[in-house]
N, C-alpha and C. Protein backbone atom coordinates (compact mmCIF):
# COMPACT_ATOMS: atom_id res chain seq x y z
N MET A 1 119.47 -32.87 -70.23
CA MET A 1 117.87 -33.08 -70.11
C MET A 1 117.01 -33.95 -68.98
N ARG A 2 116.57 -33.47 -68.25
CA ARG A 2 115.19 -34.63 -67.74
C ARG A 2 114.50 -35.35 -68.83
N MET A 3 114.14 -36.54 -67.98
CA MET A 3 113.06 -37.66 -69.04
C MET A 3 111.70 -37.07 -68.80
N GLU A 4 111.47 -36.18 -68.11
CA GLU A 4 110.33 -35.61 -68.78
C GLU A 4 110.34 -34.15 -69.76
N LYS A 5 111.15 -33.71 -69.46
CA LYS A 5 111.66 -32.67 -70.96
C LYS A 5 111.57 -33.49 -72.39
N ILE A 6 112.87 -34.72 -72.32
CA ILE A 6 112.83 -35.47 -73.28
C ILE A 6 111.28 -36.13 -73.62
N ARG A 7 110.46 -36.32 -73.04
CA ARG A 7 109.30 -37.11 -73.47
C ARG A 7 108.18 -35.70 -74.00
N LEU A 8 108.29 -34.70 -72.92
CA LEU A 8 107.45 -33.20 -73.91
C LEU A 8 108.06 -32.60 -75.02
N GLU A 9 109.49 -32.94 -75.05
CA GLU A 9 110.25 -32.68 -76.27
C GLU A 9 110.62 -33.43 -77.26
N GLY A 10 110.16 -34.55 -76.85
CA GLY A 10 110.84 -35.55 -77.46
C GLY A 10 110.56 -35.58 -79.36
N GLU A 11 109.05 -34.92 -79.44
CA GLU A 11 108.85 -35.05 -81.03
C GLU A 11 109.88 -33.71 -81.51
N ASN A 12 109.53 -32.84 -80.63
CA ASN A 12 110.32 -31.35 -81.23
C ASN A 12 111.54 -31.58 -80.66
N ALA A 13 112.72 -32.90 -80.01
CA ALA A 13 113.64 -32.55 -79.70
C ALA A 13 114.91 -33.30 -80.65
N PRO A 14 115.07 -32.72 -81.54
CA PRO A 14 116.25 -33.56 -82.76
C PRO A 14 117.54 -34.05 -81.91
N CYS A 15 117.81 -33.55 -80.77
CA CYS A 15 118.95 -34.11 -80.08
C CYS A 15 118.58 -35.75 -79.41
N VAL A 16 117.19 -35.65 -78.79
CA VAL A 16 116.81 -36.86 -78.55
C VAL A 16 116.65 -37.90 -79.39
N PRO A 17 117.78 -39.06 -79.32
CA PRO A 17 117.76 -39.99 -80.33
C PRO A 17 116.41 -41.00 -79.94
N HIS A 18 115.58 -41.13 -79.16
CA HIS A 18 114.60 -41.64 -78.50
C HIS A 18 112.93 -41.55 -79.83
C-alpha cells in the first residue's frame, strides 16, 4: 500500500497500525 492510500484509508484501514 502507498502512503497516499494509508492516509486516505488510514481511518478505514484496519490493516494500517497508524
